[in-house]
Amino acid sequence: MEAARPISYSGQGFSLLGEKGRFVLPPDFRKAVRDSGNGERVLCLTKHTRWKCLIGFGLGRKAQFETELDREERIALERGIDFDRELRSSQLHGFAQVPFDESGRFVMPERYFKLGAIMDAIYLQGGGVQFTIWNPDELAAMGPGWEDAQEACLDLATKARNGKGGK
């Protein structure tokens, strides 16, 4: 459970869309998602609010949402900017629950292909309490500060396309 032991997503991964329309979660991400959900193999997916990518996390992160909303509201008040708690709450709680098998294979809901500009491959980037899921071309278009992730993506993509794995 995340409240007792924080779950942290780190590292990178890459997956090509398989013959049966499935992607694969890398082992480290799969374990963290399972640990977060008390052993349940459920990947939570949603659209990132600023970037053209998706966010993934485990079920245990839901327990942090109210604290996150309180923090975001407090920061908005301190800065004198509007904060729509209902909208933000809807964004946080509007995720899809996607089951995955023991090998990490999952079928991405169709709407996320459009929302994340996903095609035939995904790059996964650890981000602490969650991880991002990118179309490699979208990641390549990101500006300064993304160079390490961009190079990792290129390296993992080359290995995956040459049959040497994407982990």
Protein backbone atom coordinates (compact mmCIF):
# COMPACT_ATOMS: atom_id res chain seq x y z
CA MET A 1 0.00 0.00 0.00
CA GLU A 2 1.36 3.42 -0.91
CA ALA A 3 0.51 5.08 2.41
CA ALA A 4 2.66 2.57 4.31
CA ARG A 5 5.45 2.26 1.76
CA PRO A 6 5.59 4.83 -1.01
CA ILE A 7 5.66 3.43 -4.51
CA SER A 8 8.11 5.07 -6.87
CA TYR A 9 8.32 4.55 -10.60
CA SER A 10 11.81 4.98 -11.99
CA GLY A 11 13.68 3.93 -15.07
CA GLN A 12 12.57 3.54 -18.65
CA GLY A 13 10.90 0.98 -20.84
CA PHE A 14 9.77 0.48 -24.39
CA SER A 15 7.12 -1.73 -25.98
CA LEU A 16 6.04 -2.38 -29.51
CA LEU A 17 2.36 -3.06 -30.14
CA GLY A 18 2.07 -6.84 -30.32
CA GLU A 19 0.15 -9.06 -32.72
CA LYS A 20 -2.89 -9.25 -30.42
CA GLY A 21 -3.01 -5.48 -29.96
CA ARG A 22 -1.18 -5.51 -26.63
CA PHE A 23 1.66 -3.53 -25.15
CA VAL A 24 3.90 -4.84 -22.36
CA LEU A 25 4.71 -3.15 -19.06
CA PRO A 26 8.43 -3.52 -18.24
CA PRO A 27 9.11 -5.72 -15.16
CA ASP A 28 10.01 -2.85 -12.78
CA PHE A 29 6.89 -0.87 -13.69
CA ARG A 30 4.72 -4.02 -13.51
CA LYS A 31 6.00 -4.82 -9.99
CA ALA A 32 5.43 -1.25 -8.76
CA VAL A 33 1.88 -1.16 -10.20
CA ARG A 34 1.12 -4.53 -8.56
CA ASP A 35 2.64 -3.45 -5.23
CA SER A 36 0.62 -0.23 -5.30
CA GLY A 37 -2.61 -2.16 -5.83
CA ASN A 38 -1.94 -4.71 -3.07
CA GLY A 39 -1.13 -7.39 -5.63
CA GLU A 40 -3.84 -6.49 -8.15
CA ARG A 41 -2.65 -6.44 -11.75
CA VAL A 42 -4.46 -3.22 -12.69
CA LEU A 43 -2.79 -0.38 -14.56
CA CYS A 44 -4.46 3.01 -14.13
CA LEU A 45 -4.25 5.18 -17.25
CA THR A 46 -5.15 8.80 -17.89
CA LYS A 47 -4.17 11.70 -20.12
CA HIS A 48 -1.43 14.02 -18.89
CA THR A 49 -2.87 17.49 -18.25
CA ARG A 50 -0.04 19.39 -20.01
CA TRP A 51 1.95 17.07 -22.27
CA LYS A 52 0.82 14.95 -25.22
CA CYS A 53 1.32 11.68 -23.35
CA LEU A 54 -0.41 9.39 -20.89
CA ILE A 55 0.12 8.79 -17.18
CA GLY A 56 0.25 5.34 -15.61
CA PHE A 57 0.09 4.34 -11.94
CA GLY A 58 -1.22 1.67 -9.58
CA LEU A 59 -4.51 1.61 -7.68
CA GLY A 60 -2.88 2.68 -4.41
CA ARG A 61 -2.30 6.18 -5.71
CA LYS A 62 -6.02 6.95 -5.30
CA ALA A 63 -5.42 7.25 -1.55
CA GLN A 64 -3.19 10.27 -2.24
CA PHE A 65 -5.67 12.23 -4.36
CA GLU A 66 -7.35 14.25 -1.58
CA THR A 67 -3.97 15.27 -0.16
CA GLU A 68 -2.83 16.23 -3.66
CA LEU A 69 -6.00 18.29 -4.21
CA ASP A 70 -5.50 20.07 -0.87
CA ARG A 71 -1.90 20.90 -1.78
CA GLU A 72 -2.76 22.15 -5.27
CA GLU A 73 -5.61 24.28 -3.88
CA ARG A 74 -3.35 25.78 -1.20
CA ILE A 75 -0.68 26.65 -3.77
CA ALA A 76 -3.27 28.26 -6.06
CA LEU A 77 -4.59 30.37 -3.18
CA GLU A 78 -1.06 31.45 -2.21
CA ARG A 79 -0.38 32.49 -5.81
CA GLY A 80 -3.74 34.18 -6.21
CA ILE A 81 -4.77 32.01 -9.15
CA ASP A 82 -8.08 30.24 -9.78
CA PHE A 83 -8.36 26.60 -8.79
CA ASP A 84 -11.31 24.49 -9.90
CA ARG A 85 -11.22 21.68 -7.35
CA GLU A 86 -14.12 19.86 -8.97
CA LEU A 87 -12.43 19.85 -12.40
CA ARG A 88 -9.09 18.77 -10.96
CA SER A 89 -10.75 16.04 -8.90
CA SER A 90 -12.51 14.82 -12.03
CA GLN A 91 -9.17 14.75 -13.86
CA LEU A 92 -7.52 12.73 -11.09
CA HIS A 93 -10.37 10.26 -10.63
CA GLY A 94 -11.22 9.89 -14.33
CA PHE A 95 -8.61 7.22 -15.05
CA ALA A 96 -9.24 3.89 -16.78
CA GLN A 97 -8.47 0.63 -14.97
CA VAL A 98 -6.70 -1.70 -17.37
CA PRO A 99 -5.90 -5.29 -16.33
CA PHE A 100 -2.59 -6.85 -17.34
CA ASP A 101 -1.43 -10.44 -17.29
CA GLU A 102 1.51 -11.90 -15.37
CA SER A 103 3.83 -11.00 -18.26
CA GLY A 104 2.67 -7.37 -18.20
CA ARG A 105 0.65 -7.53 -21.43
CA PHE A 106 -2.31 -5.16 -21.58
CA VAL A 107 -4.76 -3.81 -24.14
CA MET A 108 -4.82 -0.04 -24.16
CA PRO A 109 -8.34 1.39 -24.41
CA GLU A 110 -8.93 2.89 -27.85
CA ARG A 111 -9.46 6.47 -26.62
CA TYR A 112 -5.93 6.58 -25.20
CA PHE A 113 -4.42 5.97 -28.61
CA LYS A 114 -5.95 9.30 -29.66
CA LEU A 115 -5.35 11.18 -26.38
CA GLY A 116 -1.68 10.17 -26.23
CA ALA A 117 -1.07 10.13 -30.00
CA ILE A 118 -0.10 6.47 -29.55
CA MET A 119 0.67 4.45 -32.66
CA ASP A 120 2.62 1.17 -32.73
CA ALA A 121 5.12 1.76 -29.91
CA ILE A 122 5.29 3.31 -26.45
CA TYR A 123 8.12 4.64 -24.34
CA LEU A 124 7.66 4.61 -20.56
CA GLN A 125 9.50 7.12 -18.35
CA GLY A 126 9.55 6.84 -14.56
CA GLY A 127 8.32 9.92 -12.75
CA GLY A 128 8.07 9.10 -9.05
CA VAL A 129 4.42 8.66 -8.00
CA GLN A 130 3.48 7.95 -11.63
CA PHE A 131 5.10 7.32 -14.98
CA THR A 132 4.53 8.77 -18.41
CA ILE A 133 3.74 6.80 -21.55
CA TRP A 134 4.84 8.42 -24.79
CA ASN A 135 4.55 8.05 -28.50
CA PRO A 136 8.30 8.18 -29.31
CA ASP A 137 7.70 10.92 -31.91
CA GLU A 138 5.90 13.12 -29.36
CA LEU A 139 8.76 12.67 -26.91
CA ALA A 140 11.29 13.54 -29.63
CA ALA A 141 9.46 16.84 -30.19
CA MET A 142 9.81 17.92 -26.55
CA GLY A 143 12.25 20.77 -25.91
CA PRO A 144 15.29 21.18 -23.67
CA GLY A 145 15.39 19.07 -20.55
CA TRP A 146 14.18 15.93 -22.29
CA GLU A 147 17.47 14.87 -23.88
CA ASP A 148 18.13 11.91 -21.56
CA ALA A 149 14.64 10.48 -22.03
CA GLN A 150 14.86 11.06 -25.80
CA GLU A 151 18.18 9.21 -26.04
CA ALA A 152 16.92 6.37 -23.81
CA CYS A 153 13.86 6.07 -26.03
CA LEU A 154 15.97 5.90 -29.21
CA ASP A 155 18.25 3.28 -27.67
CA LEU A 156 15.38 1.11 -26.38
CA ALA A 157 13.46 1.47 -29.66
CA THR A 158 16.48 0.32 -31.67
CA LYS A 159 16.93 -2.70 -29.40
CA ALA A 160 13.21 -3.59 -29.52
CA ARG A 161 13.02 -3.29 -33.28
CA ASN A 162 16.16 -5.46 -33.63
CA GLY A 163 14.65 -8.13 -31.35
CA LYS A 164 16.90 -7.39 -28.35
CA GLY A 165 14.12 -6.38 -25.92
CA GLY A 166 12.83 -3.02 -24.78
CA LYS A 167 13.74 -3.01 -21.11
